[in-house]
Amino acid sequence: MSTVAFFDLDHTLLNTSSGVVYLQEIIRQRRVPPWIVAYLGLSYRLKLLDLGQTHARLMHHVGRAGHIETAKFFEEWVSRRLHSRLTPAAKAKVAWHQDQGRRVVIISASIEEIVKPIAQHLGLGEDYLCTRLLVKEGRYTGEVDSPHCYGSGKVHWAKLWLAQNGLNFPQDVGYFYTDSPSDLPLLEVAAYPVVVNPSRKFSKIARARGWQIEVW
């Protein structure tokens, strides 16, 4: 039996992008000026910043009250805005894997402040992997625990997590559910890759490789 079922977060467990909802919330609460968001977004699109650097620069503004107070902000809005965006099909699939005796792990490019409350809401405890922003003496340093959890970075963190839990890579990478072609590196090592809610282009890739496709 495959040991672990990995799940992407955005447009997989959630029916939305947690990053988009996050940006809407911090602008609404005036935690960061809209021009800063626009500037960082443009820098990312022009590849002047990678995703982890963009998260870190944004948190310089959002997290200026310190790590503890910022965590309270995230816990409140994740509960208010994101828990209801977990799809019934996704929650049922998580429960099915748990009933089969598998460990379920969220693996997401989103930051820990977003992913952790969702993992705990789903009863996964600390079984989540994500982009982590470094904190020193209660303050965000503006740096990321590299590599950020995106693309091949997900393979890095999955491999490390498996080793820390006495499991083997890639043998114990059982299922992996995702909507994103950026996750091809981890899909390619999963015993049961499942493409969820894919774009037309990604559907073609999945069908060509004989991967299962699900619409949640």
N, C-alpha and C. Protein backbone atom coordinates (compact mmCIF):
# COMPACT_ATOMS: atom_id res chain seq x y z
N MET A 1 0.84 -1.20 0.00
CA MET A 1 0.00 0.00 0.00
C MET A 1 0.88 1.24 0.00
N SER A 2 0.54 2.23 -0.84
CA SER A 2 1.26 3.49 -0.84
C SER A 2 1.07 4.19 0.50
N THR A 3 2.13 4.80 1.00
CA THR A 3 2.12 5.31 2.36
C THR A 3 1.58 6.72 2.49
N VAL A 4 1.91 7.59 1.54
CA VAL A 4 1.61 9.00 1.70
C VAL A 4 0.81 9.52 0.50
N ALA A 5 -0.16 10.39 0.80
CA ALA A 5 -0.91 11.09 -0.25
C ALA A 5 -0.62 12.58 -0.09
N PHE A 6 0.01 13.15 -1.10
CA PHE A 6 0.32 14.58 -1.10
C PHE A 6 -0.78 15.34 -1.86
N PHE A 7 -1.12 16.51 -1.34
CA PHE A 7 -2.13 17.36 -1.97
C PHE A 7 -1.59 18.78 -2.14
N ASP A 8 -1.69 19.30 -3.34
CA ASP A 8 -1.48 20.73 -3.56
C ASP A 8 -2.65 21.48 -2.90
N LEU A 9 -2.48 22.78 -2.72
CA LEU A 9 -3.51 23.57 -2.03
C LEU A 9 -4.39 24.36 -3.00
N ASP A 10 -3.80 25.31 -3.71
CA ASP A 10 -4.57 26.23 -4.55
C ASP A 10 -5.18 25.52 -5.75
N HIS A 11 -6.47 25.72 -5.94
CA HIS A 11 -7.21 25.11 -7.06
C HIS A 11 -7.15 23.58 -7.04
N THR A 12 -6.84 23.03 -5.88
CA THR A 12 -6.86 21.58 -5.70
C THR A 12 -7.70 21.29 -4.45
N LEU A 13 -7.12 21.46 -3.27
CA LEU A 13 -7.96 21.39 -2.06
C LEU A 13 -8.93 22.57 -2.02
N LEU A 14 -8.41 23.74 -2.37
CA LEU A 14 -9.23 24.95 -2.42
C LEU A 14 -9.79 25.15 -3.83
N ASN A 15 -10.94 25.79 -3.91
CA ASN A 15 -11.48 26.12 -5.22
C ASN A 15 -11.08 27.52 -5.67
N THR A 16 -10.01 28.03 -5.07
CA THR A 16 -9.51 29.36 -5.37
C THR A 16 -8.01 29.40 -5.13
N SER A 17 -7.41 30.56 -5.37
CA SER A 17 -6.00 30.77 -5.05
C SER A 17 -5.90 31.45 -3.69
N SER A 18 -5.25 30.81 -2.75
CA SER A 18 -5.09 31.43 -1.43
C SER A 18 -4.31 32.73 -1.54
N GLY A 19 -3.38 32.81 -2.49
CA GLY A 19 -2.59 34.02 -2.66
C GLY A 19 -3.43 35.20 -3.09
N VAL A 20 -4.39 34.98 -3.98
CA VAL A 20 -5.27 36.05 -4.44
C VAL A 20 -6.14 36.55 -3.29
N VAL A 21 -6.71 35.62 -2.52
CA VAL A 21 -7.55 36.00 -1.38
C VAL A 21 -6.71 36.75 -0.34
N TYR A 22 -5.49 36.31 -0.14
CA TYR A 22 -4.55 36.96 0.79
C TYR A 22 -4.28 38.40 0.36
N LEU A 23 -3.99 38.61 -0.91
CA LEU A 23 -3.72 39.96 -1.40
C LEU A 23 -4.95 40.85 -1.24
N GLN A 24 -6.11 40.32 -1.55
CA GLN A 24 -7.34 41.10 -1.38
C GLN A 24 -7.53 41.52 0.07
N GLU A 25 -7.23 40.59 0.98
CA GLU A 25 -7.43 40.86 2.41
C GLU A 25 -6.47 41.91 2.93
N ILE A 26 -5.19 41.81 2.58
CA ILE A 26 -4.23 42.77 3.13
C ILE A 26 -4.42 44.17 2.54
N ILE A 27 -4.91 44.24 1.32
CA ILE A 27 -5.24 45.55 0.75
C ILE A 27 -6.48 46.12 1.43
N ARG A 28 -7.49 45.27 1.63
CA ARG A 28 -8.72 45.71 2.29
C ARG A 28 -8.45 46.22 3.69
N GLN A 29 -7.57 45.54 4.42
CA GLN A 29 -7.24 45.94 5.78
C GLN A 29 -6.14 47.01 5.84
N ARG A 30 -5.66 47.46 4.68
CA ARG A 30 -4.63 48.48 4.58
C ARG A 30 -3.35 48.09 5.31
N ARG A 31 -3.04 46.81 5.22
CA ARG A 31 -1.79 46.33 5.80
C ARG A 31 -0.60 46.59 4.87
N VAL A 32 -0.90 46.85 3.63
CA VAL A 32 0.15 47.15 2.66
C VAL A 32 -0.46 48.03 1.57
N PRO A 33 0.25 49.06 1.10
CA PRO A 33 -0.29 49.91 0.04
C PRO A 33 -0.46 49.12 -1.26
N PRO A 34 -1.52 49.39 -2.01
CA PRO A 34 -1.73 48.67 -3.28
C PRO A 34 -0.56 48.80 -4.24
N TRP A 35 0.15 49.94 -4.21
CA TRP A 35 1.26 50.10 -5.16
C TRP A 35 2.40 49.14 -4.84
N ILE A 36 2.56 48.78 -3.57
CA ILE A 36 3.59 47.80 -3.20
C ILE A 36 3.23 46.44 -3.78
N VAL A 37 1.96 46.06 -3.67
CA VAL A 37 1.51 44.80 -4.23
C VAL A 37 1.73 44.78 -5.73
N ALA A 38 1.37 45.87 -6.39
CA ALA A 38 1.53 45.96 -7.84
C ALA A 38 3.01 45.89 -8.24
N TYR A 39 3.86 46.58 -7.48
CA TYR A 39 5.29 46.59 -7.78
C TYR A 39 5.91 45.20 -7.62
N LEU A 40 5.56 44.52 -6.54
CA LEU A 40 6.09 43.18 -6.32
C LEU A 40 5.56 42.20 -7.36
N GLY A 41 4.29 42.36 -7.72
CA GLY A 41 3.72 41.49 -8.75
C GLY A 41 4.41 41.67 -10.08
N LEU A 42 4.70 42.91 -10.44
CA LEU A 42 5.41 43.18 -11.70
C LEU A 42 6.83 42.63 -11.66
N SER A 43 7.50 42.79 -10.52
CA SER A 43 8.87 42.28 -10.37
C SER A 43 8.90 40.76 -10.51
N TYR A 44 7.86 40.08 -10.00
CA TYR A 44 7.78 38.64 -10.14
C TYR A 44 7.54 38.23 -11.59
N ARG A 45 6.61 38.93 -12.24
CA ARG A 45 6.31 38.59 -13.64
C ARG A 45 7.51 38.84 -14.55
N LEU A 46 8.32 39.85 -14.22
CA LEU A 46 9.52 40.14 -15.01
C LEU A 46 10.71 39.28 -14.59
N LYS A 47 10.47 38.38 -13.61
CA LYS A 47 11.49 37.46 -13.11
C LYS A 47 12.66 38.17 -12.44
N LEU A 48 12.35 39.36 -11.88
CA LEU A 48 13.34 40.05 -11.06
C LEU A 48 13.36 39.48 -9.64
N LEU A 49 12.23 38.88 -9.24
CA LEU A 49 12.12 38.20 -7.95
C LEU A 49 11.51 36.83 -8.21
N ASP A 50 11.95 35.82 -7.45
CA ASP A 50 11.26 34.54 -7.53
C ASP A 50 10.09 34.56 -6.54
N LEU A 51 9.33 33.47 -6.52
CA LEU A 51 8.12 33.44 -5.69
C LEU A 51 8.45 33.60 -4.21
N GLY A 52 9.51 32.93 -3.76
CA GLY A 52 9.88 33.03 -2.35
C GLY A 52 10.30 34.44 -1.97
N GLN A 53 11.06 35.09 -2.81
CA GLN A 53 11.49 36.47 -2.55
C GLN A 53 10.30 37.42 -2.52
N THR A 54 9.34 37.17 -3.41
CA THR A 54 8.15 38.01 -3.44
C THR A 54 7.37 37.87 -2.15
N HIS A 55 7.19 36.63 -1.68
CA HIS A 55 6.53 36.40 -0.38
C HIS A 55 7.26 37.15 0.73
N ALA A 56 8.59 37.04 0.74
CA ALA A 56 9.38 37.63 1.82
C ALA A 56 9.29 39.16 1.81
N ARG A 57 9.35 39.77 0.63
CA ARG A 57 9.25 41.23 0.54
C ARG A 57 7.87 41.71 0.99
N LEU A 58 6.84 40.97 0.61
CA LEU A 58 5.49 41.35 1.00
C LEU A 58 5.32 41.24 2.52
N MET A 59 5.88 40.19 3.11
CA MET A 59 5.75 40.00 4.55
C MET A 59 6.48 41.08 5.34
N HIS A 60 7.45 41.74 4.72
CA HIS A 60 8.13 42.87 5.38
C HIS A 60 7.10 43.92 5.79
N HIS A 61 6.05 44.07 4.99
CA HIS A 61 5.00 45.04 5.30
C HIS A 61 3.89 44.40 6.14
N VAL A 62 3.41 43.23 5.71
CA VAL A 62 2.29 42.58 6.39
C VAL A 62 2.67 42.18 7.81
N GLY A 63 3.91 41.73 7.99
CA GLY A 63 4.34 41.19 9.28
C GLY A 63 5.13 42.14 10.14
N ARG A 64 4.96 43.43 9.93
CA ARG A 64 5.79 44.38 10.68
C ARG A 64 5.46 44.39 12.17
N ALA A 65 4.28 43.87 12.57
CA ALA A 65 3.93 43.79 13.99
C ALA A 65 4.64 42.64 14.69
N GLY A 66 5.36 41.80 13.94
CA GLY A 66 6.04 40.66 14.54
C GLY A 66 5.35 39.35 14.23
N HIS A 67 6.08 38.27 14.41
CA HIS A 67 5.62 36.94 14.00
C HIS A 67 4.36 36.51 14.74
N ILE A 68 4.29 36.72 16.04
CA ILE A 68 3.16 36.24 16.84
C ILE A 68 1.88 36.96 16.46
N GLU A 69 1.92 38.27 16.39
CA GLU A 69 0.72 39.03 16.04
C GLU A 69 0.28 38.75 14.60
N THR A 70 1.25 38.58 13.72
CA THR A 70 0.93 38.29 12.32
C THR A 70 0.26 36.93 12.19
N ALA A 71 0.71 35.94 12.96
CA ALA A 71 0.09 34.61 12.94
C ALA A 71 -1.38 34.69 13.34
N LYS A 72 -1.70 35.58 14.29
CA LYS A 72 -3.09 35.74 14.72
C LYS A 72 -3.94 36.30 13.57
N PHE A 73 -3.38 37.24 12.82
CA PHE A 73 -4.09 37.79 11.67
C PHE A 73 -4.39 36.70 10.65
N PHE A 74 -3.39 35.88 10.34
CA PHE A 74 -3.58 34.83 9.35
C PHE A 74 -4.59 33.79 9.82
N GLU A 75 -4.52 33.39 11.07
CA GLU A 75 -5.45 32.38 11.58
C GLU A 75 -6.89 32.87 11.46
N GLU A 76 -7.11 34.15 11.74
CA GLU A 76 -8.46 34.70 11.69
C GLU A 76 -9.00 34.74 10.28
N TRP A 77 -8.22 35.26 9.33
CA TRP A 77 -8.78 35.40 7.97
C TRP A 77 -8.80 34.07 7.22
N VAL A 78 -7.85 33.16 7.52
CA VAL A 78 -7.92 31.84 6.90
C VAL A 78 -9.21 31.14 7.33
N SER A 79 -9.54 31.23 8.60
CA SER A 79 -10.77 30.62 9.10
C SER A 79 -11.99 31.27 8.46
N ARG A 80 -11.95 32.58 8.30
CA ARG A 80 -13.11 33.33 7.80
C ARG A 80 -13.27 33.22 6.30
N ARG A 81 -12.17 33.16 5.55
CA ARG A 81 -12.26 33.27 4.10
C ARG A 81 -11.90 32.00 3.34
N LEU A 82 -11.08 31.11 3.93
CA LEU A 82 -10.59 29.97 3.16
C LEU A 82 -11.20 28.62 3.54
N HIS A 83 -11.57 28.45 4.79
CA HIS A 83 -12.12 27.14 5.18
C HIS A 83 -13.33 26.77 4.33
N SER A 84 -14.15 27.75 4.02
CA SER A 84 -15.35 27.48 3.22
C SER A 84 -15.02 27.22 1.75
N ARG A 85 -13.78 27.51 1.34
CA ARG A 85 -13.37 27.29 -0.05
C ARG A 85 -12.73 25.91 -0.25
N LEU A 86 -12.64 25.12 0.81
CA LEU A 86 -12.22 23.73 0.68
C LEU A 86 -13.39 22.95 0.07
N THR A 87 -13.17 22.30 -1.06
CA THR A 87 -14.30 21.68 -1.75
C THR A 87 -14.73 20.38 -1.06
N PRO A 88 -16.02 20.05 -1.13
CA PRO A 88 -16.48 18.78 -0.55
C PRO A 88 -15.73 17.58 -1.13
N ALA A 89 -15.45 17.61 -2.43
CA ALA A 89 -14.73 16.49 -3.05
C ALA A 89 -13.32 16.36 -2.48
N ALA A 90 -12.66 17.49 -2.26
CA ALA A 90 -11.31 17.46 -1.71
C ALA A 90 -11.32 16.91 -0.29
N LYS A 91 -12.26 17.38 0.52
CA LYS A 91 -12.33 16.90 1.91
C LYS A 91 -12.66 15.41 1.95
N ALA A 92 -13.52 14.98 1.05
CA ALA A 92 -13.86 13.55 1.00
C ALA A 92 -12.65 12.72 0.59
N LYS A 93 -11.84 13.24 -0.32
CA LYS A 93 -10.65 12.50 -0.77
C LYS A 93 -9.62 12.40 0.35
N VAL A 94 -9.44 13.49 1.09
CA VAL A 94 -8.54 13.46 2.24
C VAL A 94 -9.00 12.41 3.24
N ALA A 95 -10.30 12.42 3.55
CA ALA A 95 -10.85 11.46 4.52
C ALA A 95 -10.69 10.03 4.02
N TRP A 96 -10.88 9.80 2.72
CA TRP A 96 -10.73 8.46 2.16
C TRP A 96 -9.32 7.94 2.34
N HIS A 97 -8.32 8.78 2.06
CA HIS A 97 -6.94 8.34 2.24
C HIS A 97 -6.64 8.05 3.71
N GLN A 98 -7.16 8.88 4.59
CA GLN A 98 -6.95 8.63 6.02
C GLN A 98 -7.59 7.31 6.43
N ASP A 99 -8.77 7.01 5.92
CA ASP A 99 -9.44 5.74 6.22
C ASP A 99 -8.63 4.55 5.71
N GLN A 100 -7.86 4.78 4.62
CA GLN A 100 -7.01 3.73 4.06
C GLN A 100 -5.69 3.58 4.81
N GLY A 101 -5.50 4.41 5.83
CA GLY A 101 -4.29 4.31 6.65
C GLY A 101 -3.11 5.10 6.11
N ARG A 102 -3.35 5.97 5.15
CA ARG A 102 -2.26 6.76 4.58
C ARG A 102 -2.13 8.09 5.32
N ARG A 103 -0.92 8.60 5.37
CA ARG A 103 -0.72 9.95 5.87
C ARG A 103 -1.00 10.93 4.74
N VAL A 104 -1.71 11.97 5.07
CA VAL A 104 -2.03 13.01 4.09
C VAL A 104 -1.18 14.24 4.40
N VAL A 105 -0.53 14.75 3.37
CA VAL A 105 0.37 15.89 3.53
C VAL A 105 0.03 16.96 2.50
N ILE A 106 -0.21 18.18 2.96
CA ILE A 106 -0.36 19.30 2.03
C ILE A 106 1.03 19.74 1.61
N ILE A 107 1.23 19.98 0.32
CA ILE A 107 2.50 20.49 -0.18
C ILE A 107 2.19 21.65 -1.12
N SER A 108 2.58 22.85 -0.71
CA SER A 108 2.11 24.06 -1.38
C SER A 108 3.20 25.12 -1.44
N ALA A 109 3.15 25.92 -2.51
CA ALA A 109 4.06 27.06 -2.62
C ALA A 109 3.64 28.21 -1.71
N SER A 110 2.42 28.15 -1.18
CA SER A 110 1.95 29.19 -0.27
C SER A 110 2.76 29.18 1.02
N ILE A 111 2.71 30.28 1.73
CA ILE A 111 3.51 30.42 2.94
C ILE A 111 2.88 29.66 4.11
N GLU A 112 3.70 29.35 5.10
CA GLU A 112 3.26 28.56 6.25
C GLU A 112 2.09 29.22 6.97
N GLU A 113 2.08 30.54 7.03
CA GLU A 113 1.03 31.26 7.73
C GLU A 113 -0.35 30.98 7.15
N ILE A 114 -0.40 30.60 5.87
CA ILE A 114 -1.65 30.22 5.23
C ILE A 114 -1.89 28.72 5.32
N VAL A 115 -0.85 27.93 5.08
CA VAL A 115 -1.01 26.49 4.97
C VAL A 115 -1.26 25.83 6.32
N LYS A 116 -0.56 26.28 7.34
CA LYS A 116 -0.68 25.65 8.66
C LYS A 116 -2.10 25.65 9.19
N PRO A 117 -2.82 26.79 9.20
CA PRO A 117 -4.20 26.75 9.72
C PRO A 117 -5.12 25.83 8.93
N ILE A 118 -4.89 25.70 7.62
CA ILE A 118 -5.72 24.80 6.82
C ILE A 118 -5.41 23.35 7.16
N ALA A 119 -4.13 23.03 7.31
CA ALA A 119 -3.74 21.66 7.68
C ALA A 119 -4.35 21.28 9.02
N GLN A 120 -4.32 22.20 9.97
CA GLN A 120 -4.88 21.90 11.28
C GLN A 120 -6.39 21.78 11.22
N HIS A 121 -7.03 22.59 10.39
CA HIS A 121 -8.49 22.49 10.21
C HIS A 121 -8.88 21.13 9.65
N LEU A 122 -8.04 20.57 8.78
CA LEU A 122 -8.31 19.27 8.17
C LEU A 122 -7.87 18.11 9.06
N GLY A 123 -7.32 18.42 10.22
CA GLY A 123 -6.88 17.38 11.14
C GLY A 123 -5.57 16.74 10.77
N LEU A 124 -4.73 17.47 10.02
CA LEU A 124 -3.44 16.91 9.57
C LEU A 124 -2.29 17.25 10.52
N GLY A 125 -2.54 18.08 11.51
CA GLY A 125 -1.48 18.44 12.44
C GLY A 125 -0.34 19.17 11.74
N GLU A 126 0.86 18.62 11.88
CA GLU A 126 2.05 19.22 11.29
C GLU A 126 2.41 18.62 9.93
N ASP A 127 1.50 17.86 9.36
CA ASP A 127 1.79 17.21 8.07
C ASP A 127 1.48 18.16 6.91
N TYR A 128 2.35 19.11 6.75
CA TYR A 128 2.25 20.06 5.64
C TYR A 128 3.65 20.53 5.27
N LEU A 129 3.83 20.85 4.00
CA LEU A 129 5.08 21.38 3.47
C LEU A 129 4.73 22.63 2.68
N CYS A 130 5.56 23.66 2.79
CA CYS A 130 5.19 24.94 2.20
C CYS A 130 6.42 25.84 2.15
N THR A 131 6.21 27.04 1.66
CA THR A 131 7.27 28.05 1.67
C THR A 131 7.33 28.65 3.07
N ARG A 132 8.51 28.62 3.67
CA ARG A 132 8.67 29.11 5.04
C ARG A 132 9.53 30.37 5.05
N LEU A 133 9.01 31.41 5.69
CA LEU A 133 9.72 32.66 5.84
C LEU A 133 10.49 32.64 7.15
N LEU A 134 11.76 32.99 7.09
CA LEU A 134 12.61 32.89 8.27
C LEU A 134 12.27 33.99 9.29
N VAL A 135 12.31 33.59 10.56
CA VAL A 135 12.01 34.50 11.66
C VAL A 135 13.19 34.47 12.64
N LYS A 136 13.60 35.65 13.09
CA LYS A 136 14.67 35.75 14.08
C LYS A 136 14.25 36.74 15.14
N GLU A 137 14.29 36.28 16.40
CA GLU A 137 13.90 37.12 17.53
C GLU A 137 12.50 37.71 17.34
N GLY A 138 11.59 36.87 16.82
CA GLY A 138 10.21 37.27 16.69
C GLY A 138 9.90 38.15 15.50
N ARG A 139 10.89 38.39 14.63
CA ARG A 139 10.70 39.25 13.48
C ARG A 139 11.05 38.52 12.19
N TYR A 140 10.32 38.82 11.14
CA TYR A 140 10.65 38.25 9.83
C TYR A 140 11.95 38.86 9.32
N THR A 141 12.83 38.00 8.83
CA THR A 141 14.14 38.46 8.38
C THR A 141 14.13 38.96 6.94
N GLY A 142 13.07 38.65 6.19
CA GLY A 142 13.04 39.00 4.78
C GLY A 142 13.67 37.92 3.91
N GLU A 143 13.95 36.76 4.51
CA GLU A 143 14.55 35.66 3.78
C GLU A 143 13.65 34.42 3.85
N VAL A 144 13.92 33.51 2.94
CA VAL A 144 13.13 32.28 2.82
C VAL A 144 14.01 31.08 3.14
N ASP A 145 13.41 30.08 3.77
CA ASP A 145 14.12 28.81 3.97
C ASP A 145 14.18 28.11 2.62
N SER A 146 15.28 28.31 1.92
CA SER A 146 15.41 27.85 0.53
C SER A 146 15.58 26.34 0.44
N PRO A 147 15.16 25.76 -0.70
CA PRO A 147 14.42 26.40 -1.79
C PRO A 147 12.96 26.58 -1.43
N HIS A 148 12.32 27.59 -2.05
CA HIS A 148 10.90 27.74 -1.77
C HIS A 148 10.16 26.54 -2.37
N CYS A 149 9.00 26.25 -1.81
CA CYS A 149 8.29 24.99 -2.08
C CYS A 149 7.49 25.11 -3.38
N TYR A 150 8.21 25.11 -4.49
CA TYR A 150 7.61 25.33 -5.80
C TYR A 150 8.40 24.54 -6.83
N GLY A 151 7.72 23.91 -7.79
CA GLY A 151 8.43 23.17 -8.83
C GLY A 151 9.30 22.08 -8.24
N SER A 152 10.56 22.08 -8.62
CA SER A 152 11.49 21.07 -8.09
C SER A 152 11.71 21.23 -6.60
N GLY A 153 11.41 22.41 -6.07
CA GLY A 153 11.51 22.61 -4.62
C GLY A 153 10.57 21.71 -3.85
N LYS A 154 9.43 21.36 -4.44
CA LYS A 154 8.52 20.43 -3.77
C LYS A 154 9.14 19.04 -3.64
N VAL A 155 9.91 18.65 -4.64
CA VAL A 155 10.60 17.36 -4.55
C VAL A 155 11.60 17.39 -3.40
N HIS A 156 12.33 18.50 -3.29
CA HIS A 156 13.32 18.65 -2.21
C HIS A 156 12.66 18.48 -0.84
N TRP A 157 11.55 19.19 -0.61
CA TRP A 157 10.92 19.16 0.70
C TRP A 157 10.20 17.85 0.96
N ALA A 158 9.64 17.24 -0.08
CA ALA A 158 9.01 15.93 0.08
C ALA A 158 10.05 14.88 0.47
N LYS A 159 11.20 14.93 -0.19
CA LYS A 159 12.28 13.98 0.11
C LYS A 159 12.76 14.14 1.55
N LEU A 160 12.92 15.40 1.98
CA LEU A 160 13.37 15.66 3.35
C LEU A 160 12.33 15.20 4.36
N TRP A 161 11.06 15.49 4.10
CA TRP A 161 10.00 15.09 5.02
C TRP A 161 9.94 13.58 5.15
N LEU A 162 10.04 12.87 4.05
CA LEU A 162 9.99 11.41 4.08
C LEU A 162 11.14 10.85 4.92
N ALA A 163 12.34 11.40 4.72
CA ALA A 163 13.50 10.93 5.49
C ALA A 163 13.30 11.18 6.98
N GLN A 164 12.77 12.34 7.33
CA GLN A 164 12.54 12.68 8.73
C GLN A 164 11.48 11.80 9.38
N ASN A 165 10.61 11.22 8.56
CA ASN A 165 9.54 10.37 9.08
C ASN A 165 9.81 8.88 8.86
N GLY A 166 11.06 8.55 8.56
CA GLY A 166 11.44 7.15 8.41
C GLY A 166 10.88 6.49 7.18
N LEU A 167 10.58 7.29 6.16
CA LEU A 167 10.03 6.77 4.91
C LEU A 167 11.04 6.92 3.78
N ASN A 168 10.73 6.35 2.64
CA ASN A 168 11.70 6.30 1.55
C ASN A 168 11.23 7.11 0.34
N PHE A 169 12.19 7.72 -0.32
CA PHE A 169 11.93 8.44 -1.56
C PHE A 169 12.56 7.67 -2.71
N PRO A 170 11.85 7.44 -3.81
CA PRO A 170 10.48 7.87 -4.08
C PRO A 170 9.41 6.83 -3.75
N GLN A 171 9.82 5.71 -3.15
CA GLN A 171 8.88 4.60 -2.98
C GLN A 171 7.62 4.99 -2.22
N ASP A 172 7.74 5.88 -1.24
CA ASP A 172 6.59 6.24 -0.42
C ASP A 172 5.87 7.49 -0.89
N VAL A 173 6.23 8.00 -2.05
CA VAL A 173 5.42 9.06 -2.67
C VAL A 173 4.30 8.35 -3.40
N GLY A 174 3.19 8.16 -2.69
CA GLY A 174 2.09 7.38 -3.25
C GLY A 174 1.27 8.20 -4.22
N TYR A 175 0.34 8.96 -3.68
CA TYR A 175 -0.54 9.80 -4.50
C TYR A 175 -0.06 11.25 -4.45
N PHE A 176 -0.27 11.95 -5.55
CA PHE A 176 -0.06 13.40 -5.56
C PHE A 176 -1.15 14.04 -6.40
N TYR A 177 -1.91 14.92 -5.77
CA TYR A 177 -3.01 15.62 -6.43
C TYR A 177 -2.62 17.08 -6.65
N THR A 178 -2.74 17.55 -7.87
CA THR A 178 -2.42 18.94 -8.17
C THR A 178 -3.09 19.40 -9.45
N ASP A 179 -3.27 20.71 -9.55
CA ASP A 179 -3.84 21.30 -10.77
C ASP A 179 -2.77 21.91 -11.65
N SER A 180 -1.52 21.97 -11.16
CA SER A 180 -0.52 22.83 -11.80
C SER A 180 0.58 22.09 -12.53
N PRO A 181 0.88 22.49 -13.77
CA PRO A 181 2.01 21.89 -14.50
C PRO A 181 3.36 22.21 -13.87
N SER A 182 3.41 23.22 -13.01
CA SER A 182 4.68 23.50 -12.30
C SER A 182 5.05 22.36 -11.37
N ASP A 183 4.06 21.49 -11.08
CA ASP A 183 4.30 20.35 -10.17
C ASP A 183 4.72 19.09 -10.90
N LEU A 184 5.06 19.19 -12.17
CA LEU A 184 5.49 18.01 -12.92
C LEU A 184 6.64 17.26 -12.26
N PRO A 185 7.65 17.94 -11.65
CA PRO A 185 8.74 17.18 -11.03
C PRO A 185 8.27 16.18 -9.97
N LEU A 186 7.28 16.57 -9.17
CA LEU A 186 6.78 15.65 -8.14
C LEU A 186 5.77 14.67 -8.71
N LEU A 187 4.97 15.10 -9.66
CA LEU A 187 4.03 14.19 -10.32
C LEU A 187 4.78 13.01 -10.95
N GLU A 188 5.94 13.30 -11.53
CA GLU A 188 6.69 12.28 -12.26
C GLU A 188 7.28 11.20 -11.37
N VAL A 189 7.38 11.46 -10.06
CA VAL A 189 7.91 10.43 -9.16
C VAL A 189 6.81 9.76 -8.34
N ALA A 190 5.58 10.30 -8.41
CA ALA A 190 4.48 9.72 -7.63
C ALA A 190 4.03 8.40 -8.26
N ALA A 191 3.68 7.45 -7.40
CA ALA A 191 3.17 6.17 -7.91
C ALA A 191 1.81 6.36 -8.58
N TYR A 192 0.99 7.29 -8.03
CA TYR A 192 -0.34 7.55 -8.57
C TYR A 192 -0.53 9.06 -8.73
N PRO A 193 -0.04 9.61 -9.82
CA PRO A 193 -0.24 11.05 -10.07
C PRO A 193 -1.67 11.32 -10.49
N VAL A 194 -2.28 12.33 -9.87
CA VAL A 194 -3.66 12.69 -10.19
C VAL A 194 -3.72 14.19 -10.49
N VAL A 195 -4.19 14.51 -11.67
CA VAL A 195 -4.31 15.90 -12.09
C VAL A 195 -5.74 16.37 -11.82
N VAL A 196 -5.86 17.46 -11.08
CA VAL A 196 -7.16 17.94 -10.61
C VAL A 196 -7.48 19.29 -11.24
N ASN A 197 -8.69 19.41 -11.76
CA ASN A 197 -9.16 20.69 -12.32
C ASN A 197 -8.14 21.32 -13.27
N PRO A 198 -7.63 20.55 -14.22
CA PRO A 198 -6.52 21.06 -15.04
C PRO A 198 -6.98 22.01 -16.14
N SER A 199 -6.04 22.83 -16.60
CA SER A 199 -6.27 23.61 -17.81
C SER A 199 -6.31 22.66 -19.00
N ARG A 200 -6.75 23.17 -20.14
CA ARG A 200 -6.81 22.32 -21.34
C ARG A 200 -5.42 21.80 -21.70
N LYS A 201 -4.41 22.67 -21.60
CA LYS A 201 -3.05 22.27 -21.94
C LYS A 201 -2.55 21.18 -21.00
N PHE A 202 -2.83 21.35 -19.70
CA PHE A 202 -2.37 20.37 -18.72
C PHE A 202 -3.12 19.06 -18.88
N SER A 203 -4.39 19.13 -19.28
CA SER A 203 -5.16 17.91 -19.54
C SER A 203 -4.50 17.07 -20.63
N LYS A 204 -4.02 17.75 -21.66
CA LYS A 204 -3.35 17.04 -22.76
C LYS A 204 -2.10 16.34 -22.26
N ILE A 205 -1.34 17.00 -21.41
CA ILE A 205 -0.13 16.39 -20.85
C ILE A 205 -0.50 15.16 -20.03
N ALA A 206 -1.53 15.31 -19.19
CA ALA A 206 -1.95 14.21 -18.32
C ALA A 206 -2.44 13.01 -19.13
N ARG A 207 -3.25 13.28 -20.16
CA ARG A 207 -3.76 12.18 -20.99
C ARG A 207 -2.63 11.48 -21.74
N ALA A 208 -1.67 12.25 -22.22
CA ALA A 208 -0.55 11.67 -22.95
C ALA A 208 0.27 10.74 -22.07
N ARG A 209 0.30 11.02 -20.77
CA ARG A 209 1.09 10.21 -19.84
C ARG A 209 0.26 9.15 -19.13
N GLY A 210 -1.03 9.12 -19.43
CA GLY A 210 -1.90 8.13 -18.80
C GLY A 210 -2.22 8.41 -17.36
N TRP A 211 -2.16 9.68 -16.95
CA TRP A 211 -2.44 10.05 -15.58
C TRP A 211 -3.94 10.25 -15.37
N GLN A 212 -4.39 9.95 -14.19
CA GLN A 212 -5.78 10.14 -13.84
C GLN A 212 -6.12 11.63 -13.77
N ILE A 213 -7.31 11.99 -14.24
CA ILE A 213 -7.79 13.37 -14.19
C ILE A 213 -9.10 13.39 -13.40
N GLU A 214 -9.19 14.32 -12.45
CA GLU A 214 -10.40 14.47 -11.66
C GLU A 214 -10.83 15.93 -11.65
N VAL A 215 -12.13 16.15 -11.62
CA VAL A 215 -12.68 17.50 -11.53
C VAL A 215 -13.41 17.62 -10.19
N TRP A 216 -12.92 18.52 -9.37
CA TRP A 216 -13.52 18.72 -8.05
C TRP A 216 -14.35 20.01 -8.04
